Each structure stands twice: as C-alpha cells, then as structure tokens.
Amino acid sequence: MPALPNPAQFVRWFREAAPYVHGFRGRTFVVGFSGEVVAGRGFAKLVHDFNLLAALGIRLVLVHGARPQIEAELKAKGLRSRYAKGLRITDTAALTCVKQAAGVLRVEIEALLSQGLPNSPMAGSQIRVASGNFITAQPIGVVKGVDYQFTGSVRKVDAVAIARRLDAGEVVLVTHIGYSPTGEVFNLAWEGVAESVAVALKADKLLLLTDRPPADRRGNVLHEQSAQSAEALLKKGGLSPETTRTLKRALRALGAGVGRVHLVSRLTDGATLLELFTHSGVGTMITADAVEQLRVARVEDIGGILALIAPLEADGTLVKRSRELLEREIGNFRVIDHDGVIAGCAALYPYPEERSAEFACLAVAPQYRGADYGERLLDACEAQARELKVKRLFVLTTTAAHWFQLHGFSPATVAALPERRQSLYNYQRNSKVFAKKL
C-alpha cells in the first residue's frame, strides 16, 4: 500500500472535518448541475463525492440539466437551436430531442450511482436512486411576442413524495423535465428546478455548480456573502451569464427559506467536498444574514474559547483559566462567532466602586489576525464599559504592550489598579499595566 503524501495533514483535516460530519447527518442537501458537468471528464469523480455524502447520512437530491446533450441531439437530426433571452424555444421537434437527452442522461447518472466495484470509491456502496414525476410544470407562454412553446417553468414540486424517498434512504434524482396535469411535457431550466426543489423541501443547503463563483477584481473567490452583499454584486455586473443566473436563483431560494446556498466551481476536482468539509471552503457561501457575529458569549461557547486561548496559555501570554472559572465568568466575555467557530474573544471585568474596568483575555485565531478582530473586540468592550459608567479602562499584558499603546492606552503602575485587582497581581509574571480614559 503506498504511503500517504502527508499523513499529518490528512489526519488534521480528517479531525477538523468531524464537526461537519456530525452537523450534516440527516440534513437535506439539493445539488444542481448543468449538462456540461455531466459531459465533463470529472463527472465520475463527482459521483464518487455524491456517494460519500450519501454514506455520511446526508439526504441528497440531485438536479441536472442537459443543454449540450440537447444540442447534440438537434445537430444529429439537422435541426437548429433557437433561443430568446437565454431560454431555449422548445418546439415539437426540439421537445423530442429534449426527451431523448433527458432519458439518456438519467440512465447514465443512475448507472454511475449504482457502481460498487472493489478498490474504488464506490466499493461497498448500495445507493438506491429514486426518480419520477416530481415536478408539475406550466408553459412560459408568449413573452414580448416570443412563443416559447414547450419551454416551461415549475408550478409545483411534490415535496411529500421526494421526502418519502429520502426517508427511505434513497438518493433522489430530478431531471429538467416537468409534466402538466393535461399530460404535456415541458423543458425546464435546471437552475429553476433546483431552486424550486430546495424551497419545497426547506433544504438546509442548496449547492449550485457553476462555471466560476463570484470573485473580486484580483480573481480571488468571494467565499462568504450575505444576501445583501450578493444583491450588490448582481447590480454591479461583470459576472458570467451562468454565474448571474445561479446567483439570482440563490437569492430567491434564500428569500424563500432555504438555509444556505453555495456556488461551487464545476471545474475544480473535489470542490463540493472542499466547500462542505473545510471551514474556509472553495466556493461562495451565501446566507440570509452575515456569517460573522460579534456577540455576548454563551455557555456553549466555552469549548471554543478554551481551544482559542489554550496556545496562548501554553506560551505564557495569557493566564490559565479552567472550564469552571469560564463557566462562572462567561457573562464577562464577548466573542466573534465566524459561522459557528469562535474566532476571537475578550473579557471585561468591571470594578464599579472605582468606576474602572479591566480589559482581559484578548485572543484571536491565527488565521484571522490582521482582520481587525482585536480592534472590534476592544471597541465592543469599551462600549460596554461606557454603558456601565466606567471612566477608566486598564489592561495587564506581557507581550502586547505596543498594540495597546497604539490603541490609546498609556503606561501605568500596579498602584494605579483597583485595590481588589492589586491584591491579585502576580509579580512573577511581571505584567505591564496600561490604562485608558474613556
């Protein structure tokens, strides 16, 4: 058996992924992808990733498109594609090609999900795939003089039927085809189907595979966006047509109650797993509200605070605090919660009899240093101190004297501390004292 290229890195990642494994079990994820994804060389690997998600207990719904496959069918029959406003005009001849492409793709995807070869990622897999007439459709009709004929939109999703299949442990496969009560067949946009299915199921996550997630001017992916900031991106423009379509669908899904939407590159191998099981991700996660919160600490944050301050306690930067002490003092703490991870903390200990307070236990996770987290925690504690009518803030530090001076603190002496705090001063640590008038 070949050795792992970096065993320590693999073990570290596997351990870091554990909270996501626990958190995702039993959740409903809808994954939408285009026909280009299916036609790509990496689709078999993507199916392996779907298999892993299902094996981890995620309730998985897959929604696919078929644009290049339909184009191929039309070309083989000598027919011409017709579009208006980015939508295919599906006449009777084109509808035949749509049915053929959808049928072939469904069989091919089901076949890939049915694999179980030894010595492969699908070894031991026993995925049952459910598909059917889950989508009731309606015609788009005539828009600005253009008759779209058999191009339609979603009227209703049979969420109860899909949920039953998910409850039975099956992966549900939904095509871009919809049916009307009169028995007609309509060609639908896969993005619209994925959005509608996610909304109907009240999905925890909607993942849309796109050509490229939104990026900044330097080409760096924008990993986190609130609905408000994503709206601003759309208004600004400059996104590809596919990314624009998926971003609009993402915002509608969020507005209708879907937990979170992720735009993930269809060109990056393993992008779905990297997005879901690493904290930073590789795509764009869009949430209804901001992912990051600065708030009062709660008892359930104690584990995160301990993990954050442990390295600083070990090197002597911070005084060691036990879990029991933190439980008693948790109301003094403010934290920065970054998508469920405690990324920064600080505490304020008031001495009301002397109208002063101590700013203490400032800690920021290494990956967030340089992001003004320390300044924000200091500002929050100063605001709290002013509400308590505190006139003077003081701090004891061994390594951050320069930082505190840059933020308005001046050197002081131990004698300047409140009497109660003087009695607790540790002369062996020889901490420097700084104070700031509020």
Protein backbone atom coordinates (compact mmCIF):
# COMPACT_ATOMS: atom_id res chain seq x y z
CA MET A 1 0.00 0.00 0.00
CA PRO A 2 1.53 3.37 -1.00
CA ALA A 3 2.31 5.82 1.80
CA LEU A 4 0.20 8.94 2.20
CA PRO A 5 1.97 12.02 0.80
CA ASN A 6 1.36 13.92 4.03
CA PRO A 7 -0.13 11.75 6.79
CA ALA A 8 -0.14 14.50 9.42
CA GLN A 9 -2.03 16.88 7.13
CA PHE A 10 -4.58 14.18 6.28
CA VAL A 11 -5.17 13.35 9.97
CA ARG A 12 -5.52 17.04 10.85
CA TRP A 13 -8.03 17.62 8.05
CA PHE A 14 -9.99 14.48 8.95
CA ARG A 15 -10.29 15.62 12.56
CA GLU A 16 -11.30 19.13 11.53
CA ALA A 17 -14.00 17.67 9.28
CA ALA A 18 -15.61 15.78 12.19
CA PRO A 19 -17.92 18.64 13.29
CA TYR A 20 -19.29 18.91 9.75
CA VAL A 21 -19.88 15.16 9.58
CA HIS A 22 -21.90 15.34 12.80
CA GLY A 23 -23.71 18.50 11.74
CA PHE A 24 -24.70 17.30 8.27
CA ARG A 25 -26.10 13.88 9.19
CA GLY A 26 -29.85 13.84 8.50
CA ARG A 27 -29.77 17.21 6.73
CA THR A 28 -31.27 17.77 3.29
CA PHE A 29 -28.94 18.99 0.54
CA VAL A 30 -30.05 19.78 -3.02
CA VAL A 31 -27.26 19.78 -5.61
CA GLY A 32 -27.92 21.29 -9.03
CA PHE A 33 -25.58 20.91 -12.00
CA SER A 34 -25.66 21.50 -15.74
CA GLY A 35 -25.35 19.12 -18.65
CA GLU A 36 -21.82 20.45 -19.12
CA VAL A 37 -20.92 18.93 -15.75
CA VAL A 38 -22.27 15.54 -16.80
CA ALA A 39 -20.38 15.73 -20.10
CA GLY A 40 -17.11 16.65 -18.39
CA ARG A 41 -14.32 14.18 -17.72
CA GLY A 42 -14.56 14.72 -13.97
CA PHE A 43 -18.19 13.72 -13.60
CA ALA A 44 -17.38 10.18 -12.44
CA LYS A 45 -15.34 11.67 -9.58
CA LEU A 46 -18.22 13.98 -8.71
CA VAL A 47 -20.49 10.94 -8.46
CA HIS A 48 -17.95 9.41 -6.06
CA ASP A 49 -18.34 12.55 -3.95
CA PHE A 50 -22.14 12.20 -4.06
CA ASN A 51 -21.69 8.64 -2.85
CA LEU A 52 -19.65 9.88 0.11
CA LEU A 53 -22.27 12.48 1.04
CA ALA A 54 -24.97 9.81 0.98
CA ALA A 55 -22.81 7.45 3.04
CA LEU A 56 -22.46 10.17 5.70
CA GLY A 57 -26.23 10.23 6.18
CA ILE A 58 -26.99 13.34 4.11
CA ARG A 59 -30.43 13.36 2.47
CA LEU A 60 -29.36 14.05 -1.09
CA VAL A 61 -31.37 15.37 -4.04
CA LEU A 62 -29.60 15.74 -7.40
CA VAL A 63 -30.98 18.03 -10.12
CA HIS A 64 -29.37 18.01 -13.56
CA GLY A 65 -29.59 19.91 -16.82
CA ALA A 66 -28.87 18.74 -20.38
CA ARG A 67 -28.16 21.71 -22.65
CA PRO A 68 -25.12 20.29 -24.55
CA GLN A 69 -26.79 16.88 -24.84
CA ILE A 70 -29.90 18.50 -26.35
CA GLU A 71 -27.70 20.48 -28.74
CA ALA A 72 -26.05 17.23 -29.85
CA GLU A 73 -29.45 15.61 -30.48
CA LEU A 74 -30.62 18.59 -32.52
CA LYS A 75 -27.44 18.62 -34.57
CA ALA A 76 -27.70 14.90 -35.27
CA LYS A 77 -31.19 15.49 -36.67
CA GLY A 78 -30.12 18.52 -38.70
CA LEU A 79 -32.21 20.87 -36.57
CA ARG A 80 -31.29 24.39 -35.46
CA SER A 81 -31.33 25.63 -31.88
CA ARG A 82 -33.39 28.71 -31.18
CA TYR A 83 -33.02 30.93 -28.11
CA ALA A 84 -34.57 34.13 -26.81
CA LYS A 85 -33.38 35.94 -23.65
CA GLY A 86 -31.12 32.98 -22.86
CA LEU A 87 -34.01 30.48 -22.92
CA ARG A 88 -34.44 27.71 -25.45
CA ILE A 89 -37.52 27.90 -27.65
CA THR A 90 -38.72 24.31 -27.47
CA ASP A 91 -40.90 23.45 -30.45
CA THR A 92 -42.28 19.96 -31.14
CA ALA A 93 -39.11 18.74 -32.88
CA ALA A 94 -36.85 20.17 -30.16
CA LEU A 95 -39.03 18.59 -27.47
CA THR A 96 -38.31 15.15 -28.92
CA CYS A 97 -34.59 15.88 -28.59
CA VAL A 98 -35.13 17.12 -25.03
CA LYS A 99 -36.87 13.86 -24.08
CA GLN A 100 -34.16 11.75 -25.65
CA ALA A 101 -31.32 13.68 -23.99
CA ALA A 102 -33.04 13.66 -20.58
CA GLY A 103 -33.76 9.92 -20.78
CA VAL A 104 -30.20 9.01 -21.72
CA LEU A 105 -28.72 11.24 -19.02
CA ARG A 106 -30.98 9.82 -16.35
CA VAL A 107 -29.90 6.27 -17.20
CA GLU A 108 -26.22 7.24 -17.31
CA ILE A 109 -26.35 9.02 -13.94
CA GLU A 110 -28.25 6.15 -12.34
CA ALA A 111 -25.67 3.73 -13.72
CA LEU A 112 -22.79 5.72 -12.21
CA LEU A 113 -24.58 5.89 -8.86
CA SER A 114 -25.11 2.12 -8.98
CA GLN A 115 -21.41 1.25 -9.11
CA GLY A 116 -19.83 -0.90 -6.43
CA LEU A 117 -16.52 -2.11 -7.81
CA PRO A 118 -13.86 -3.23 -5.34
CA ASN A 119 -10.81 -0.97 -4.96
CA SER A 120 -12.85 2.07 -5.99
CA PRO A 121 -14.52 4.92 -4.05
CA MET A 122 -17.85 3.18 -4.70
CA ALA A 123 -16.77 -0.14 -3.14
CA GLY A 124 -19.50 -1.44 -0.87
CA SER A 125 -21.89 1.29 -1.98
CA GLN A 126 -25.53 0.33 -2.29
CA ILE A 127 -27.16 3.57 -3.38
CA ARG A 128 -30.80 3.30 -4.37
CA VAL A 129 -31.83 6.02 -6.80
CA ALA A 130 -35.39 7.34 -7.00
CA SER A 131 -36.68 9.45 -9.85
CA GLY A 132 -40.13 10.21 -11.21
CA ASN A 133 -42.74 12.82 -11.98
CA PHE A 134 -41.99 15.04 -9.02
CA ILE A 135 -42.29 18.31 -10.97
CA THR A 136 -45.55 19.82 -12.18
CA ALA A 137 -44.79 22.38 -14.89
CA GLN A 138 -46.53 25.15 -16.74
CA PRO A 139 -45.68 26.80 -20.07
CA ILE A 140 -43.83 30.09 -20.07
CA GLY A 141 -46.12 31.07 -22.92
CA VAL A 142 -45.68 34.11 -25.14
CA VAL A 143 -43.33 36.76 -23.74
CA LYS A 144 -42.83 40.01 -25.69
CA GLY A 145 -44.05 38.36 -28.84
CA VAL A 146 -41.90 35.22 -28.47
CA ASP A 147 -43.76 31.92 -28.11
CA TYR A 148 -41.58 29.58 -26.05
CA GLN A 149 -43.93 26.67 -26.80
CA PHE A 150 -42.79 23.67 -24.70
CA THR A 151 -40.32 25.61 -22.58
CA GLY A 152 -41.83 25.84 -19.13
CA SER A 153 -41.35 26.75 -15.50
CA VAL A 154 -42.02 24.93 -12.25
CA ARG A 155 -45.58 25.16 -10.99
CA LYS A 156 -45.34 22.72 -8.09
CA VAL A 157 -42.90 20.28 -6.51
CA ASP A 158 -44.23 17.08 -4.93
CA ALA A 159 -42.17 17.58 -1.79
CA VAL A 160 -44.05 14.87 0.11
CA ALA A 161 -43.15 12.22 -2.46
CA ILE A 162 -39.49 13.30 -2.52
CA ALA A 163 -39.33 13.33 1.29
CA ARG A 164 -40.68 9.78 1.42
CA ARG A 165 -37.90 8.58 -0.86
CA LEU A 166 -35.33 10.44 1.24
CA ASP A 167 -36.80 8.92 4.41
CA ALA A 168 -36.29 5.52 2.82
CA GLY A 169 -32.57 6.26 2.47
CA GLU A 170 -32.63 6.82 -1.29
CA VAL A 171 -30.87 9.45 -3.37
CA VAL A 172 -33.45 11.35 -5.40
CA LEU A 173 -32.63 12.27 -8.99
CA VAL A 174 -34.70 15.06 -10.55
CA THR A 175 -34.44 15.88 -14.25
CA HIS A 176 -35.06 19.18 -16.02
CA ILE A 177 -38.38 17.79 -17.28
CA GLY A 178 -41.80 18.77 -15.91
CA TYR A 179 -45.30 17.48 -16.58
CA SER A 180 -48.64 19.25 -16.74
CA PRO A 181 -52.00 17.91 -15.47
CA THR A 182 -53.02 17.59 -19.13
CA GLY A 183 -50.13 15.22 -19.82
CA GLU A 184 -47.88 17.66 -21.66
CA VAL A 185 -44.10 17.62 -21.21
CA PHE A 186 -42.08 20.79 -20.67
CA ASN A 187 -38.38 21.57 -20.87
CA LEU A 188 -37.25 23.46 -17.76
CA ALA A 189 -34.12 25.34 -16.69
CA TRP A 190 -32.18 23.14 -14.26
CA GLU A 191 -31.38 26.14 -12.05
CA GLY A 192 -35.10 26.83 -11.64
CA VAL A 193 -35.82 23.20 -10.81
CA ALA A 194 -33.03 23.08 -8.23
CA GLU A 195 -34.27 26.30 -6.62
CA SER A 196 -37.88 25.11 -6.50
CA VAL A 197 -36.98 21.69 -5.09
CA ALA A 198 -34.80 23.24 -2.38
CA VAL A 199 -37.55 25.67 -1.39
CA ALA A 200 -40.26 22.98 -1.36
CA LEU A 201 -38.14 20.69 0.81
CA LYS A 202 -36.99 23.55 3.07
CA ALA A 203 -33.49 22.27 2.32
CA ASP A 204 -30.63 23.01 4.66
CA LYS A 205 -28.32 23.65 1.72
CA LEU A 206 -28.61 24.28 -1.99
CA LEU A 207 -25.39 23.72 -3.93
CA LEU A 208 -25.22 25.05 -7.47
CA LEU A 209 -22.26 24.06 -9.65
CA THR A 210 -21.35 26.98 -11.86
CA ASP A 211 -18.54 27.92 -14.25
CA ARG A 212 -16.95 30.18 -11.66
CA PRO A 213 -18.13 31.52 -8.29
CA PRO A 214 -18.15 35.31 -7.82
CA ALA A 215 -14.67 36.79 -7.42
CA ASP A 216 -13.04 40.14 -6.62
CA ARG A 217 -11.00 42.26 -9.03
CA ARG A 218 -7.90 40.14 -8.44
CA GLY A 219 -9.76 36.95 -9.28
CA ASN A 220 -9.99 35.72 -5.69
CA VAL A 221 -13.21 33.86 -4.93
CA LEU A 222 -15.58 35.71 -2.58
CA HIS A 223 -16.04 32.93 -0.06
CA GLU A 224 -18.81 34.47 2.04
CA GLN A 225 -21.63 36.77 1.05
CA SER A 226 -24.78 37.89 2.80
CA ALA A 227 -27.92 38.20 0.70
CA GLN A 228 -27.49 41.97 0.79
CA SER A 229 -23.89 41.90 -0.49
CA ALA A 230 -24.83 39.33 -3.17
CA GLU A 231 -27.58 41.69 -4.38
CA ALA A 232 -24.96 44.41 -4.68
CA LEU A 233 -22.77 42.07 -6.76
CA LEU A 234 -25.62 41.49 -9.19
CA LYS A 235 -26.28 45.20 -9.56
CA LYS A 236 -22.59 45.86 -10.14
CA GLY A 237 -22.49 43.34 -13.01
CA GLY A 238 -19.44 41.83 -14.63
CA LEU A 239 -20.35 38.23 -13.78
CA SER A 240 -20.65 35.50 -16.40
CA PRO A 241 -24.19 34.75 -17.65
CA GLU A 242 -24.19 31.35 -15.89
CA THR A 243 -22.99 32.80 -12.58
CA THR A 244 -25.54 35.60 -12.86
CA ARG A 245 -28.36 33.07 -13.35
CA THR A 246 -27.26 30.90 -10.44
CA LEU A 247 -26.76 33.91 -8.15
CA LYS A 248 -30.29 35.12 -8.86
CA ARG A 249 -31.65 31.66 -8.08
CA ALA A 250 -29.58 31.54 -4.90
CA LEU A 251 -31.08 34.79 -3.64
CA ARG A 252 -34.63 33.67 -4.40
CA ALA A 253 -34.02 30.38 -2.58
CA LEU A 254 -32.65 32.18 0.48
CA GLY A 255 -35.60 34.54 0.47
CA ALA A 256 -37.94 31.55 0.47
CA GLY A 257 -36.34 29.90 3.48
CA VAL A 258 -33.50 27.70 2.22
CA GLY A 259 -30.78 27.60 4.90
CA ARG A 260 -27.71 28.38 2.80
CA VAL A 261 -26.71 28.42 -0.84
CA HIS A 262 -23.23 27.54 -2.13
CA LEU A 263 -21.95 28.42 -5.60
CA VAL A 264 -19.19 25.93 -6.36
CA SER A 265 -16.88 25.70 -9.37
CA ARG A 266 -17.75 22.83 -11.68
CA LEU A 267 -14.16 22.84 -12.95
CA THR A 268 -12.38 22.05 -9.66
CA ASP A 269 -11.95 18.41 -8.71
CA GLY A 270 -13.40 17.75 -5.26
CA ALA A 271 -14.82 21.27 -4.96
CA THR A 272 -18.05 20.02 -3.37
CA LEU A 273 -16.21 18.20 -0.57
CA LEU A 274 -13.79 21.09 -0.04
CA GLU A 275 -16.69 23.54 0.20
CA LEU A 276 -18.65 21.45 2.67
CA PHE A 277 -15.95 19.97 4.90
CA THR A 278 -13.43 22.79 5.30
CA HIS A 279 -14.07 25.96 7.25
CA SER A 280 -12.87 28.37 4.56
CA GLY A 281 -14.39 26.45 1.62
CA VAL A 282 -13.52 26.97 -2.05
CA GLY A 283 -16.77 28.40 -3.40
CA THR A 284 -19.14 31.21 -2.42
CA MET A 285 -21.46 30.59 0.52
CA ILE A 286 -24.46 32.92 0.59
CA THR A 287 -26.50 33.37 3.74
CA ALA A 288 -29.59 35.40 4.54
CA ASP A 289 -27.63 37.26 7.23
CA ALA A 290 -23.94 37.90 7.81
CA VAL A 291 -21.94 34.78 8.69
CA GLU A 292 -19.91 36.65 11.29
CA GLN A 293 -21.28 37.94 14.59
CA LEU A 294 -19.73 39.83 17.49
CA ARG A 295 -21.90 38.94 20.48
CA VAL A 296 -22.06 38.20 24.18
CA ALA A 297 -20.59 34.78 24.94
CA ARG A 298 -22.82 31.87 25.93
CA VAL A 299 -22.10 28.74 27.97
CA GLU A 300 -22.00 26.65 24.80
CA ASP A 301 -19.09 28.82 23.58
CA ILE A 302 -16.79 27.69 26.41
CA GLY A 303 -15.26 24.81 24.42
CA GLY A 304 -14.45 27.18 21.55
CA ILE A 305 -12.97 29.80 23.89
CA LEU A 306 -10.80 27.19 25.62
CA ALA A 307 -9.50 25.95 22.26
CA LEU A 308 -8.75 29.53 21.22
CA ILE A 309 -6.85 30.57 24.35
CA ALA A 310 -5.05 27.26 25.05
CA PRO A 311 -1.97 28.03 22.85
CA LEU A 312 -1.65 31.49 24.44
CA GLU A 313 -1.89 29.98 27.92
CA ALA A 314 0.75 27.40 26.99
CA ASP A 315 3.30 30.06 25.94
CA GLY A 316 2.52 32.28 28.94
CA THR A 317 0.81 35.08 27.04
CA LEU A 318 -2.45 34.54 28.94
CA VAL A 319 -3.14 33.40 32.49
CA LYS A 320 -4.61 29.88 32.52
CA ARG A 321 -8.38 29.70 33.00
CA SER A 322 -10.20 26.50 33.91
CA ARG A 323 -13.52 25.48 32.42
CA GLU A 324 -15.14 26.02 35.81
CA LEU A 325 -13.80 29.58 36.00
CA LEU A 326 -15.01 30.32 32.47
CA GLU A 327 -18.45 29.00 33.33
CA ARG A 328 -18.65 31.46 36.23
CA GLU A 329 -17.30 34.36 34.20
CA ILE A 330 -18.88 33.69 30.81
CA GLY A 331 -21.08 36.79 31.10
CA ASN A 332 -17.95 38.96 31.04
CA PHE A 333 -16.88 37.67 27.61
CA ARG A 334 -17.53 38.89 24.10
CA VAL A 335 -16.82 36.58 21.15
CA ILE A 336 -16.59 36.80 17.39
CA ASP A 337 -18.55 33.86 16.03
CA HIS A 338 -17.49 33.04 12.47
CA ASP A 339 -20.00 30.54 11.11
CA GLY A 340 -20.14 28.58 14.36
CA VAL A 341 -16.39 28.82 15.09
CA ILE A 342 -15.14 31.09 17.88
CA ALA A 343 -12.55 33.20 16.05
CA GLY A 344 -11.90 35.81 18.74
CA CYS A 345 -12.71 36.57 22.37
CA ALA A 346 -12.16 39.22 25.04
CA ALA A 347 -13.49 39.91 28.53
CA LEU A 348 -14.43 42.97 30.54
CA TYR A 349 -14.25 42.84 34.36
CA PRO A 350 -15.88 45.91 35.96
CA TYR A 351 -14.78 47.44 39.27
CA PRO A 352 -17.80 49.70 39.82
CA GLU A 353 -16.66 51.09 43.18
CA GLU A 354 -13.72 52.75 41.42
CA ARG A 355 -15.56 53.30 38.11
CA SER A 356 -12.92 51.29 36.26
CA ALA A 357 -12.79 48.00 34.36
CA GLU A 358 -10.18 45.51 33.18
CA PHE A 359 -9.94 44.51 29.53
CA ALA A 360 -8.61 40.94 29.55
CA CYS A 361 -8.19 37.63 27.75
CA LEU A 362 -7.96 39.10 24.25
CA ALA A 363 -7.34 36.25 21.77
CA VAL A 364 -7.77 35.94 18.00
CA ALA A 365 -7.36 32.75 15.98
CA PRO A 366 -4.15 32.85 13.86
CA GLN A 367 -6.00 32.70 10.52
CA TYR A 368 -7.98 35.84 11.41
CA ARG A 369 -5.15 38.01 12.71
CA GLY A 370 -4.87 41.12 10.59
CA ALA A 371 -8.64 41.25 10.09
CA ASP A 372 -9.24 43.90 12.83
CA TYR A 373 -10.87 41.35 15.15
CA GLY A 374 -8.85 42.63 18.12
CA GLU A 375 -9.90 46.21 17.43
CA ARG A 376 -13.55 45.20 17.13
CA LEU A 377 -13.49 43.30 20.42
CA LEU A 378 -11.81 46.25 22.15
CA ASP A 379 -14.43 48.65 20.71
CA ALA A 380 -17.25 46.38 21.92
CA CYS A 381 -15.82 46.17 25.43
CA GLU A 382 -15.24 49.93 25.53
CA ALA A 383 -18.87 50.50 24.51
CA GLN A 384 -20.00 48.15 27.27
CA ALA A 385 -17.76 49.96 29.78
CA ARG A 386 -19.31 53.32 28.88
CA GLU A 387 -22.79 51.87 29.39
CA LEU A 388 -21.62 50.85 32.89
CA LYS A 389 -20.45 54.45 33.52
CA VAL A 390 -16.81 53.29 33.65
CA LYS A 391 -14.33 56.16 33.39
CA ARG A 392 -11.08 54.23 33.04
CA LEU A 393 -10.09 51.01 31.30
CA PHE A 394 -6.92 49.15 32.26
CA VAL A 395 -5.10 46.09 30.93
CA LEU A 396 -2.26 43.85 32.08
CA THR A 397 -0.06 42.41 29.33
CA THR A 398 3.28 40.67 28.87
CA THR A 399 3.61 40.69 25.07
CA ALA A 400 1.16 43.20 23.55
CA ALA A 401 2.31 46.49 25.08
CA HIS A 402 2.88 48.13 21.70
CA TRP A 403 -0.58 47.12 20.40
CA PHE A 404 -2.32 48.64 23.42
CA GLN A 405 -0.31 51.86 23.15
CA LEU A 406 -1.36 52.14 19.50
CA HIS A 407 -4.97 51.91 20.68
CA GLY A 408 -4.85 54.74 23.19
CA PHE A 409 -3.51 53.07 26.35
CA SER A 410 -0.74 54.70 28.40
CA PRO A 411 1.75 53.07 30.78
CA ALA A 412 0.60 52.89 34.40
CA THR A 413 1.75 51.29 37.65
CA VAL A 414 0.42 48.47 39.78
CA ALA A 415 -0.55 51.10 42.36
CA ALA A 416 -2.97 52.56 39.80
CA LEU A 417 -5.03 49.35 39.75
CA PRO A 418 -8.18 48.99 41.86
CA GLU A 419 -7.33 47.66 45.32
CA ARG A 420 -9.02 44.33 44.71
CA ARG A 421 -7.04 43.90 41.49
CA GLN A 422 -3.76 44.90 43.16
CA SER A 423 -4.16 42.04 45.63
CA LEU A 424 -4.39 39.59 42.71
CA TYR A 425 -1.38 40.94 40.81
CA ASN A 426 1.18 38.21 40.02
CA TYR A 427 4.66 39.67 40.46
CA GLN A 428 6.24 36.54 38.96
CA ARG A 429 4.53 37.27 35.62
CA ASN A 430 5.64 40.90 35.89
CA SER A 431 2.84 42.04 33.59
CA LYS A 432 2.95 45.62 32.37
CA VAL A 433 0.00 47.83 33.27
CA PHE A 434 -1.65 50.21 30.81
CA ALA A 435 -4.68 52.44 31.28
CA LYS A 436 -7.02 54.46 29.08
CA LYS A 437 -9.52 57.17 29.97
CA LEU A 438 -12.97 56.73 28.45
